[in-house]
Amino acid sequence: AQNVLRTSMELGGNAPFVVFDDADLDKAVDGAMLAKFRNIGEACTAANRFIVHDSVADEFARRVTERVDRFRVGRGTEEGVTIGPLINEDAVAKALALVTDAVSRGARVLTGGDEIDGDGNFFEPTVVTDVVAGSRILNEEIFGPV
């Protein structure tokens, strides 16, 4: 090329995180946690779809679920909190609607999957597997800990 320009593009969408059958699962899980749960998943660059090879899918899901179950939900000013509130009530409602739609089509919730009652806009850190084509969660950005 006669001109090479440095560029940075945020292409949005439901960024996939791909795990192949020969992946180092410890590293893959570490990467998945960072890619999905930094800033509570409220980032355009957050991974929202995890495409995992069949031969390692169950183990990957088990390890991710184990890590997600250790999160502590609460206000960010509280000691030890790892998952804070979402931006507003609409964000909680959207996360719930996406999970509910996926489950109605056959997906399984391994942990979480619901809003948290009380003051604030909290949604349980959630792991969903076996999501089928046509589920809204595959095409809409979540902006939450799902």
C-alpha atoms as a PDB file:
ATOM      1  CA  ALA A   1       0.000   0.000   0.000  1.00  0.00           C
ATOM      2  CA  GLN A   2       1.176   3.512  -0.670  1.00  0.00           C
ATOM      3  CA  ASN A   3      -0.385   4.789   2.529  1.00  0.00           C
ATOM      4  CA  VAL A   4      -0.649   2.816   5.747  1.00  0.00           C
ATOM      5  CA  LEU A   5      -2.689   4.465   8.467  1.00  0.00           C
ATOM      6  CA  ARG A   6      -3.028   3.413  12.071  1.00  0.00           C
ATOM      7  CA  THR A   7      -6.655   2.829  12.875  1.00  0.00           C
ATOM      8  CA  SER A   8      -8.700   1.638  15.797  1.00  0.00           C
ATOM      9  CA  MET A   9     -12.258   0.481  15.293  1.00  0.00           C
ATOM     10  CA  GLU A  10     -14.897  -0.638  17.730  1.00  0.00           C
ATOM     11  CA  LEU A  11     -17.171  -2.740  15.590  1.00  0.00           C
ATOM     12  CA  GLY A  12     -19.695  -3.437  18.345  1.00  0.00           C
ATOM     13  CA  GLY A  13     -22.119  -6.278  18.159  1.00  0.00           C
ATOM     14  CA  ASN A  14     -21.924  -9.434  20.193  1.00  0.00           C
ATOM     15  CA  ALA A  15     -18.190  -9.938  20.309  1.00  0.00           C
ATOM     16  CA  PRO A  16     -17.363 -13.663  20.269  1.00  0.00           C
ATOM     17  CA  PHE A  17     -14.800 -15.361  22.496  1.00  0.00           C
ATOM     18  CA  VAL A  18     -13.645 -18.559  20.799  1.00  0.00           C
ATOM     19  CA  VAL A  19     -12.159 -21.555  22.650  1.00  0.00           C
ATOM     20  CA  PHE A  20     -10.692 -24.350  20.533  1.00  0.00           C
ATOM     21  CA  ASP A  21     -10.273 -27.965  21.604  1.00  0.00           C
ATOM     22  CA  ASP A  22      -6.538 -27.568  22.241  1.00  0.00           C
ATOM     23  CA  ALA A  23      -6.870 -24.405  24.358  1.00  0.00           C
ATOM     24  CA  ASP A  24      -5.200 -24.052  27.730  1.00  0.00           C
ATOM     25  CA  LEU A  25      -8.440 -23.934  29.735  1.00  0.00           C
ATOM     26  CA  ASP A  26      -6.889 -22.121  32.692  1.00  0.00           C
ATOM     27  CA  LYS A  27      -5.851 -19.287  30.399  1.00  0.00           C
ATOM     28  CA  ALA A  28      -9.121 -19.415  28.464  1.00  0.00           C
ATOM     29  CA  VAL A  29     -11.162 -19.065  31.664  1.00  0.00           C
ATOM     30  CA  ASP A  30      -8.948 -16.224  32.916  1.00  0.00           C
ATOM     31  CA  GLY A  31      -9.384 -14.461  29.586  1.00  0.00           C
ATOM     32  CA  ALA A  32     -13.124 -15.077  29.532  1.00  0.00           C
ATOM     33  CA  MET A  33     -13.595 -13.588  32.988  1.00  0.00           C
ATOM     34  CA  LEU A  34     -11.713 -10.456  32.015  1.00  0.00           C
ATOM     35  CA  ALA A  35     -13.337 -10.178  28.587  1.00  0.00           C
ATOM     36  CA  LYS A  36     -16.863 -10.520  29.941  1.00  0.00           C
ATOM     37  CA  PHE A  37     -16.991  -9.217  33.492  1.00  0.00           C
ATOM     38  CA  ARG A  38     -14.755  -6.144  33.540  1.00  0.00           C
ATOM     39  CA  ASN A  39     -16.972  -3.144  34.204  1.00  0.00           C
ATOM     40  CA  ILE A  40     -19.805  -5.599  35.012  1.00  0.00           C
ATOM     41  CA  GLY A  41     -20.138  -6.401  31.299  1.00  0.00           C
ATOM     42  CA  GLU A  42     -21.278  -2.846  30.595  1.00  0.00           C
ATOM     43  CA  ALA A  43     -18.827  -2.219  27.769  1.00  0.00           C
ATOM     44  CA  CYS A  44     -19.206  -2.289  24.003  1.00  0.00           C
ATOM     45  CA  THR A  45     -16.126  -4.488  23.818  1.00  0.00           C
ATOM     46  CA  ALA A  46     -17.320  -7.066  26.357  1.00  0.00           C
ATOM     47  CA  ALA A  47     -17.430 -10.619  25.055  1.00  0.00           C
ATOM     48  CA  ASN A  48     -21.047 -11.710  24.892  1.00  0.00           C
ATOM     49  CA  ARG A  49     -20.893 -15.008  23.011  1.00  0.00           C
ATOM     50  CA  PHE A  50     -18.588 -17.849  23.940  1.00  0.00           C
ATOM     51  CA  ILE A  51     -18.096 -20.318  21.135  1.00  0.00           C
ATOM     52  CA  VAL A  52     -16.456 -23.355  22.689  1.00  0.00           C
ATOM     53  CA  HIS A  53     -15.424 -26.612  21.033  1.00  0.00           C
ATOM     54  CA  ASP A  54     -17.684 -29.511  22.024  1.00  0.00           C
ATOM     55  CA  SER A  55     -14.837 -31.530  23.547  1.00  0.00           C
ATOM     56  CA  VAL A  56     -14.043 -28.845  26.152  1.00  0.00           C
ATOM     57  CA  ALA A  57     -17.411 -27.076  26.451  1.00  0.00           C
ATOM     58  CA  ASP A  58     -18.623 -28.796  29.632  1.00  0.00           C
ATOM     59  CA  GLU A  59     -15.328 -28.298  31.457  1.00  0.00           C
ATOM     60  CA  PHE A  60     -15.039 -24.687  30.317  1.00  0.00           C
ATOM     61  CA  ALA A  61     -18.614 -23.963  31.458  1.00  0.00           C
ATOM     62  CA  ARG A  62     -17.963 -25.668  34.805  1.00  0.00           C
ATOM     63  CA  ARG A  63     -14.842 -23.605  35.450  1.00  0.00           C
ATOM     64  CA  VAL A  64     -16.462 -20.325  34.414  1.00  0.00           C
ATOM     65  CA  THR A  65     -19.503 -21.071  36.579  1.00  0.00           C
ATOM     66  CA  GLU A  66     -17.273 -21.849  39.541  1.00  0.00           C
ATOM     67  CA  ARG A  67     -15.546 -18.491  39.158  1.00  0.00           C
ATOM     68  CA  VAL A  68     -18.799 -16.567  38.631  1.00  0.00           C
ATOM     69  CA  ASP A  69     -20.266 -18.147  41.769  1.00  0.00           C
ATOM     70  CA  ARG A  70     -17.449 -16.526  43.765  1.00  0.00           C
ATOM     71  CA  PHE A  71     -18.414 -13.002  42.738  1.00  0.00           C
ATOM     72  CA  ARG A  72     -19.797 -10.770  45.455  1.00  0.00           C
ATOM     73  CA  VAL A  73     -22.600  -8.465  44.350  1.00  0.00           C
ATOM     74  CA  GLY A  74     -23.123  -5.113  46.020  1.00  0.00           C
ATOM     75  CA  ARG A  75     -22.377  -1.433  45.976  1.00  0.00           C
ATOM     76  CA  GLY A  76     -18.936  -0.607  44.667  1.00  0.00           C
ATOM     77  CA  THR A  77     -18.129   1.283  47.849  1.00  0.00           C
ATOM     78  CA  GLU A  78     -18.418  -1.909  49.909  1.00  0.00           C
ATOM     79  CA  GLU A  79     -15.323  -3.950  50.702  1.00  0.00           C
ATOM     80  CA  GLY A  80     -14.880  -7.065  48.566  1.00  0.00           C
ATOM     81  CA  VAL A  81     -17.601  -6.311  46.009  1.00  0.00           C
ATOM     82  CA  THR A  82     -16.756  -7.583  42.526  1.00  0.00           C
ATOM     83  CA  ILE A  83     -20.067  -6.957  40.720  1.00  0.00           C
ATOM     84  CA  GLY A  84     -21.823  -3.642  41.187  1.00  0.00           C
ATOM     85  CA  PRO A  85     -25.146  -2.281  39.962  1.00  0.00           C
ATOM     86  CA  LEU A  86     -26.128  -1.825  36.353  1.00  0.00           C
ATOM     87  CA  ILE A  87     -26.642   1.664  34.963  1.00  0.00           C
ATOM     88  CA  ASN A  88     -30.444   1.735  35.376  1.00  0.00           C
ATOM     89  CA  GLU A  89     -33.643  -0.309  35.704  1.00  0.00           C
ATOM     90  CA  ASP A  90     -33.891  -0.692  31.924  1.00  0.00           C
ATOM     91  CA  ALA A  91     -30.515  -2.463  31.851  1.00  0.00           C
ATOM     92  CA  VAL A  92     -31.719  -4.942  34.486  1.00  0.00           C
ATOM     93  CA  ALA A  93     -34.967  -5.527  32.586  1.00  0.00           C
ATOM     94  CA  LYS A  94     -33.051  -6.095  29.333  1.00  0.00           C
ATOM     95  CA  ALA A  95     -30.673  -8.617  30.924  1.00  0.00           C
ATOM     96  CA  LEU A  96     -33.636 -10.481  32.395  1.00  0.00           C
ATOM     97  CA  ALA A  97     -35.524 -10.435  29.082  1.00  0.00           C
ATOM     98  CA  LEU A  98     -32.526 -11.801  27.166  1.00  0.00           C
ATOM     99  CA  VAL A  99     -31.968 -14.628  29.656  1.00  0.00           C
ATOM    100  CA  THR A 100     -35.697 -15.435  29.800  1.00  0.00           C
ATOM    101  CA  ASP A 101     -35.920 -15.572  26.010  1.00  0.00           C
ATOM    102  CA  ALA A 102     -32.880 -17.879  25.768  1.00  0.00           C
ATOM    103  CA  VAL A 103     -34.277 -20.225  28.423  1.00  0.00           C
ATOM    104  CA  SER A 104     -37.687 -20.313  26.728  1.00  0.00           C
ATOM    105  CA  ARG A 105     -35.911 -21.607  23.601  1.00  0.00           C
ATOM    106  CA  GLY A 106     -33.996 -24.336  25.449  1.00  0.00           C
ATOM    107  CA  ALA A 107     -30.916 -22.686  26.984  1.00  0.00           C
ATOM    108  CA  ARG A 108     -29.789 -23.696  30.469  1.00  0.00           C
ATOM    109  CA  VAL A 109     -28.835 -21.307  33.267  1.00  0.00           C
ATOM    110  CA  LEU A 110     -25.886 -22.721  35.210  1.00  0.00           C
ATOM    111  CA  THR A 111     -25.847 -19.906  37.745  1.00  0.00           C
ATOM    112  CA  GLY A 112     -27.663 -16.623  38.277  1.00  0.00           C
ATOM    113  CA  GLY A 113     -30.241 -15.551  35.759  1.00  0.00           C
ATOM    114  CA  ASP A 114     -32.392 -13.148  37.716  1.00  0.00           C
ATOM    115  CA  GLU A 115     -32.606  -9.612  39.002  1.00  0.00           C
ATOM    116  CA  ILE A 116     -31.798  -9.013  42.648  1.00  0.00           C
ATOM    117  CA  ASP A 117     -34.544  -7.466  44.740  1.00  0.00           C
ATOM    118  CA  GLY A 118     -33.803  -4.439  46.894  1.00  0.00           C
ATOM    119  CA  ASP A 119     -32.333  -1.017  46.441  1.00  0.00           C
ATOM    120  CA  GLY A 120     -30.257  -0.528  43.320  1.00  0.00           C
ATOM    121  CA  ASN A 121     -30.125  -2.015  39.836  1.00  0.00           C
ATOM    122  CA  PHE A 122     -28.557  -5.401  40.444  1.00  0.00           C
ATOM    123  CA  PHE A 123     -28.556  -8.514  38.267  1.00  0.00           C
ATOM    124  CA  GLU A 124     -27.079 -11.836  39.319  1.00  0.00           C
ATOM    125  CA  PRO A 125     -23.813 -12.770  37.610  1.00  0.00           C
ATOM    126  CA  THR A 126     -25.064 -15.351  35.126  1.00  0.00           C
ATOM    127  CA  VAL A 127     -23.792 -18.215  32.986  1.00  0.00           C
ATOM    128  CA  VAL A 128     -26.081 -19.527  30.230  1.00  0.00           C
ATOM    129  CA  THR A 129     -25.261 -22.532  28.027  1.00  0.00           C
ATOM    130  CA  ASP A 130     -26.851 -24.383  25.126  1.00  0.00           C
ATOM    131  CA  VAL A 131     -28.209 -21.172  23.604  1.00  0.00           C
ATOM    132  CA  VAL A 132     -29.984 -21.966  20.347  1.00  0.00           C
ATOM    133  CA  ALA A 133     -30.099 -20.023  17.099  1.00  0.00           C
ATOM    134  CA  GLY A 134     -32.786 -17.371  17.069  1.00  0.00           C
ATOM    135  CA  SER A 135     -32.299 -16.441  20.715  1.00  0.00           C
ATOM    136  CA  ARG A 136     -32.192 -12.686  21.230  1.00  0.00           C
ATOM    137  CA  ILE A 137     -29.141 -13.040  23.469  1.00  0.00           C
ATOM    138  CA  LEU A 138     -27.109 -14.064  20.405  1.00  0.00           C
ATOM    139  CA  ASN A 139     -27.888 -10.866  18.534  1.00  0.00           C
ATOM    140  CA  GLU A 140     -28.415  -8.115  21.118  1.00  0.00           C
ATOM    141  CA  GLU A 141     -25.739  -6.608  23.322  1.00  0.00           C
ATOM    142  CA  ILE A 142     -26.317  -7.493  26.943  1.00  0.00           C
ATOM    143  CA  PHE A 143     -24.533  -4.735  28.882  1.00  0.00           C
ATOM    144  CA  GLY A 144     -24.617  -6.754  32.059  1.00  0.00           C
ATOM    145  CA  PRO A 145     -23.003  -9.663  33.918  1.00  0.00           C
ATOM    146  CA  VAL A 146     -24.464 -12.391  31.673  1.00  0.00           C
END
